[in-house]
C-alpha atoms as a PDB file:
ATOM      1  CA  MET A   1      32.514  29.365  -3.594  1.00  0.00           C
ATOM      2  CA  ALA A   2      31.633  25.630  -3.191  1.00  0.00           C
ATOM      3  CA  PRO A   3      30.204  23.452  -5.972  1.00  0.00           C
ATOM      4  CA  MET A   4      26.664  23.465  -6.762  1.00  0.00           C
ATOM      5  CA  GLU A   5      24.875  20.553  -4.945  1.00  0.00           C
ATOM      6  CA  LYS A   6      22.644  18.754  -7.590  1.00  0.00           C
ATOM      7  CA  ASN A   7      20.669  15.402  -7.677  1.00  0.00           C
ATOM      8  CA  LEU A   8      19.288  15.911  -4.197  1.00  0.00           C
ATOM      9  CA  LEU A   9      16.528  13.508  -2.783  1.00  0.00           C
ATOM     10  CA  ALA A  10      14.318  14.718  -0.311  1.00  0.00           C
ATOM     11  CA  LEU A  11      12.390  12.192   2.234  1.00  0.00           C
ATOM     12  CA  ASP A  12       9.646  12.926   4.350  1.00  0.00           C
ATOM     13  CA  LEU A  13       9.099   9.872   6.480  1.00  0.00           C
ATOM     14  CA  GLY A  14       6.114   9.033   8.203  1.00  0.00           C
ATOM     15  CA  LYS A  15       4.568   6.232   9.974  1.00  0.00           C
ATOM     16  CA  GLY A  16       3.116   4.757   6.934  1.00  0.00           C
ATOM     17  CA  SER A  17       4.284   7.014   4.298  1.00  0.00           C
ATOM     18  CA  LEU A  18       7.299   8.209   2.639  1.00  0.00           C
ATOM     19  CA  GLY A  19       6.940  11.676   0.454  1.00  0.00           C
ATOM     20  CA  MET A  20       9.917  12.134  -1.789  1.00  0.00           C
ATOM     21  CA  ALA A  21      10.986  15.142  -3.657  1.00  0.00           C
ATOM     22  CA  ILE A  22      14.212  15.647  -6.099  1.00  0.00           C
ATOM     23  CA  SER A  23      16.377  18.467  -7.301  1.00  0.00           C
ATOM     24  CA  ARG A  24      18.413  17.507 -10.128  1.00  0.00           C
ATOM     25  CA  SER A  25      19.842  20.778 -11.251  1.00  0.00           C
ATOM     26  CA  GLY A  26      20.364  22.121  -7.481  1.00  0.00           C
ATOM     27  CA  LEU A  27      17.948  24.781  -8.385  1.00  0.00           C
ATOM     28  CA  PHE A  28      14.377  23.455  -8.977  1.00  0.00           C
ATOM     29  CA  VAL A  29      12.558  20.974  -6.867  1.00  0.00           C
ATOM     30  CA  THR A  30       9.986  18.195  -8.374  1.00  0.00           C
ATOM     31  CA  PRO A  31       7.714  16.500  -5.949  1.00  0.00           C
ATOM     32  CA  LEU A  32       7.757  12.705  -6.708  1.00  0.00           C
ATOM     33  CA  PRO A  33       4.833   9.890  -6.271  1.00  0.00           C
ATOM     34  CA  GLU A  34       4.779   9.272  -2.457  1.00  0.00           C
ATOM     35  CA  VAL A  35       4.897   5.794  -1.197  1.00  0.00           C
ATOM     36  CA  ARG A  36       2.481   3.991   1.479  1.00  0.00           C
ATOM     37  CA  PHE A  37       3.446   0.954   3.396  1.00  0.00           C
ATOM     38  CA  PRO A  38       2.146  -0.548   6.582  1.00  0.00           C
ATOM     39  CA  GLY A  39       2.818   1.513   9.677  1.00  0.00           C
ATOM     40  CA  GLY A  40       6.383   0.924  10.586  1.00  0.00           C
ATOM     41  CA  HIS A  41       7.455  -1.444   8.141  1.00  0.00           C
ATOM     42  CA  TYR A  42      10.408   0.802   6.950  1.00  0.00           C
ATOM     43  CA  GLU A  43      11.895  -1.981   4.824  1.00  0.00           C
ATOM     44  CA  LYS A  44       9.230  -0.983   2.554  1.00  0.00           C
ATOM     45  CA  ALA A  45      10.354   2.760   2.335  1.00  0.00           C
ATOM     46  CA  ILE A  46      14.187   1.545   1.844  1.00  0.00           C
ATOM     47  CA  GLU A  47      12.801  -0.543  -0.770  1.00  0.00           C
ATOM     48  CA  ALA A  48      11.135   2.274  -2.523  1.00  0.00           C
ATOM     49  CA  VAL A  49      14.123   4.588  -2.335  1.00  0.00           C
ATOM     50  CA  SER A  50      16.180   1.619  -3.708  1.00  0.00           C
ATOM     51  CA  SER A  51      13.860   1.607  -6.718  1.00  0.00           C
ATOM     52  CA  LEU A  52      14.018   5.074  -7.599  1.00  0.00           C
ATOM     53  CA  LEU A  53      17.834   4.780  -7.249  1.00  0.00           C
ATOM     54  CA  GLU A  54      17.615   2.639 -10.314  1.00  0.00           C
ATOM     55  CA  LYS A  55      16.416   5.569 -12.595  1.00  0.00           C
ATOM     56  CA  GLU A  56      17.691   8.376 -10.899  1.00  0.00           C
ATOM     57  CA  LYS A  57      21.270   9.794 -10.086  1.00  0.00           C
ATOM     58  CA  VAL A  58      21.194  10.748  -6.262  1.00  0.00           C
ATOM     59  CA  GLU A  59      24.254  12.344  -4.555  1.00  0.00           C
ATOM     60  CA  ARG A  60      22.910  13.339  -1.251  1.00  0.00           C
ATOM     61  CA  PHE A  61      19.750  12.265   0.764  1.00  0.00           C
ATOM     62  CA  VAL A  62      17.746  14.985   2.509  1.00  0.00           C
ATOM     63  CA  LEU A  63      16.052  13.689   5.167  1.00  0.00           C
ATOM     64  CA  GLY A  64      13.200  15.789   7.059  1.00  0.00           C
ATOM     65  CA  LEU A  65      13.873  15.895  10.903  1.00  0.00           C
ATOM     66  CA  PRO A  66      10.684  15.926  12.896  1.00  0.00           C
ATOM     67  CA  LEU A  67      10.884  18.342  15.824  1.00  0.00           C
ATOM     68  CA  PHE A  68       8.479  19.873  18.341  1.00  0.00           C
ATOM     69  CA  PRO A  69       7.634  23.611  17.781  1.00  0.00           C
ATOM     70  CA  SER A  70       9.827  24.322  20.517  1.00  0.00           C
ATOM     71  CA  GLY A  71      12.785  22.617  18.595  1.00  0.00           C
ATOM     72  CA  ASP A  72      12.728  19.745  21.055  1.00  0.00           C
ATOM     73  CA  GLU A  73      12.742  15.846  19.664  1.00  0.00           C
ATOM     74  CA  CYS A  74       9.311  14.515  19.179  1.00  0.00           C
ATOM     75  CA  GLU A  75       8.062  10.770  19.061  1.00  0.00           C
ATOM     76  CA  MET A  76       9.245  10.504  15.233  1.00  0.00           C
ATOM     77  CA  THR A  77      12.785  11.889  15.440  1.00  0.00           C
ATOM     78  CA  PRO A  78      14.335   8.893  16.885  1.00  0.00           C
ATOM     79  CA  ILE A  79      12.507   6.945  13.938  1.00  0.00           C
ATOM     80  CA  VAL A  80      13.690   9.160  11.486  1.00  0.00           C
ATOM     81  CA  HIS A  81      17.609   8.927  12.997  1.00  0.00           C
ATOM     82  CA  SER A  82      17.052   4.997  12.966  1.00  0.00           C
ATOM     83  CA  PHE A  83      15.964   5.603   9.157  1.00  0.00           C
ATOM     84  CA  ALA A  84      18.825   7.472   8.442  1.00  0.00           C
ATOM     85  CA  LYS A  85      21.135   4.745   9.614  1.00  0.00           C
ATOM     86  CA  ARG A  86      19.179   2.202   7.348  1.00  0.00           C
ATOM     87  CA  LEU A  87      19.669   4.695   4.648  1.00  0.00           C
ATOM     88  CA  GLU A  88      23.477   4.928   5.117  1.00  0.00           C
ATOM     89  CA  ALA A  89      24.036   1.157   5.485  1.00  0.00           C
ATOM     90  CA  ALA A  90      21.830   0.401   2.515  1.00  0.00           C
ATOM     91  CA  PHE A  91      23.440   3.451   0.316  1.00  0.00           C
ATOM     92  CA  PRO A  92      26.768   3.899   1.773  1.00  0.00           C
ATOM     93  CA  ALA A  93      28.100   6.269  -0.944  1.00  0.00           C
ATOM     94  CA  ILE A  94      25.111   8.689  -0.660  1.00  0.00           C
ATOM     95  CA  PRO A  95      25.651  11.182   2.411  1.00  0.00           C
ATOM     96  CA  VAL A  96      22.358  11.773   4.338  1.00  0.00           C
ATOM     97  CA  SER A  97      21.496  15.308   5.708  1.00  0.00           C
ATOM     98  CA  PHE A  98      19.056  16.585   8.095  1.00  0.00           C
ATOM     99  CA  GLN A  99      16.712  19.542   7.440  1.00  0.00           C
ATOM    100  CA  ASP A 100      14.138  20.936  10.009  1.00  0.00           C
ATOM    101  CA  GLU A 101      10.680  19.898   8.744  1.00  0.00           C
ATOM    102  CA  ARG A 102       8.678  21.802  11.481  1.00  0.00           C
ATOM    103  CA  TYR A 103       5.338  22.943   9.916  1.00  0.00           C
ATOM    104  CA  THR A 104       6.312  21.738   6.172  1.00  0.00           C
ATOM    105  CA  THR A 105       2.985  19.576   6.158  1.00  0.00           C
ATOM    106  CA  VAL A 106       0.809  22.477   7.602  1.00  0.00           C
ATOM    107  CA  GLU A 107       2.357  24.857   4.549  1.00  0.00           C
ATOM    108  CA  ALA A 108       2.094  22.185   2.054  1.00  0.00           C
ATOM    109  CA  SER A 109      -1.707  21.649   3.020  1.00  0.00           C
ATOM    110  CA  GLN A 110      -2.302  25.062   2.559  1.00  0.00           C
ATOM    111  CA  ALA A 111      -0.326  25.481  -0.476  1.00  0.00           C
ATOM    112  CA  MET A 112      -2.562  22.399  -2.034  1.00  0.00           C
ATOM    113  CA  ARG A 113      -5.658  24.262  -0.687  1.00  0.00           C
ATOM    114  CA  THR A 114      -4.696  27.457  -2.742  1.00  0.00           C
ATOM    115  CA  ASN A 115      -4.310  25.188  -5.620  1.00  0.00           C
ATOM    116  CA  GLY A 116      -7.960  23.561  -5.424  1.00  0.00           C
ATOM    117  CA  LYS A 117      -7.166  20.634  -3.646  1.00  0.00           C
ATOM    118  CA  ASN A 118      -9.134  19.811  -0.827  1.00  0.00           C
ATOM    119  CA  SER A 119      -8.209  18.148   2.587  1.00  0.00           C
ATOM    120  CA  LYS A 120      -9.540  14.587   0.957  1.00  0.00           C
ATOM    121  CA  LYS A 121      -7.714  15.081  -2.357  1.00  0.00           C
ATOM    122  CA  GLN A 122      -4.460  16.159  -0.753  1.00  0.00           C
ATOM    123  CA  LYS A 123      -3.974  12.737   1.183  1.00  0.00           C
ATOM    124  CA  ALA A 124      -2.106  11.227  -1.790  1.00  0.00           C
ATOM    125  CA  SER A 125       0.277  13.575  -2.230  1.00  0.00           C
ATOM    126  CA  ILE A 126       0.804  15.910   0.713  1.00  0.00           C
ATOM    127  CA  ASP A 127       3.836  14.194   2.041  1.00  0.00           C
ATOM    128  CA  SER A 128       5.743  14.566  -1.630  1.00  0.00           C
ATOM    129  CA  VAL A 129       4.639  18.370  -1.246  1.00  0.00           C
ATOM    130  CA  ALA A 130       6.037  18.230   2.333  1.00  0.00           C
ATOM    131  CA  ALA A 131       9.121  16.809   0.794  1.00  0.00           C
ATOM    132  CA  ALA A 132       9.444  19.253  -1.709  1.00  0.00           C
ATOM    133  CA  MET A 133       9.450  22.199   0.835  1.00  0.00           C
ATOM    134  CA  ILE A 134      11.783  20.567   2.947  1.00  0.00           C
ATOM    135  CA  LEU A 135      14.147  20.313  -0.033  1.00  0.00           C
ATOM    136  CA  GLU A 136      13.687  24.183  -0.885  1.00  0.00           C
ATOM    137  CA  ARG A 137      14.547  25.002   2.858  1.00  0.00           C
ATOM    138  CA  TYR A 138      17.697  22.847   2.461  1.00  0.00           C
ATOM    139  CA  LEU A 139      18.752  24.469  -0.840  1.00  0.00           C
ATOM    140  CA  ASN A 140      17.914  28.028   0.740  1.00  0.00           C
ATOM    141  CA  ALA A 141      20.171  26.893   3.896  1.00  0.00           C
ATOM    142  CA  VAL A 142      23.289  25.877   1.415  1.00  0.00           C
ATOM    143  CA  GLY A 143      22.808  29.147  -0.524  1.00  0.00           C
ATOM    144  CA  GLN A 144      21.151  27.571  -3.689  1.00  0.00           C
ATOM    145  CA  GLY A 145      17.601  28.559  -3.164  1.00  0.00           C
ATOM    146  CA  ASP A 146      15.459  31.542  -4.070  1.00  0.00           C
ATOM    147  CA  ASP A 147      15.887  33.079  -0.570  1.00  0.00           C
ATOM    148  CA  ILE A 148      19.600  34.292  -1.573  1.00  0.00           C
END
């Protein structure tokens, strides 16, 4: 049996935002405050990750991979791959894994609506809730989630 993966940081990259969620235990996922930056200024997202790494031990990045429903690459896919290269250059000791993020924002919105947050109230945290869902999918894929 493979050792349990812990200290995972999920990232949901948007054009002007970065949703983040962490799993310290490899079992439970916690959304973190999301980061806003001017559209396309991804160095600000790298700075936010660097700041977080001063406080948190991270052993793997799990980066949401945006795809069309068909599974084909979309406009954001090459941007996310480029961001992954930036992460690898900035933090060479931390490997990057990709996780399909299709429908996570829709699922996050539905979950937040169920918990009483309307669309206007969701804006500040929807990307981090989506990052949490990306991380839960990853944990399930490696056999550590609750779908075992």
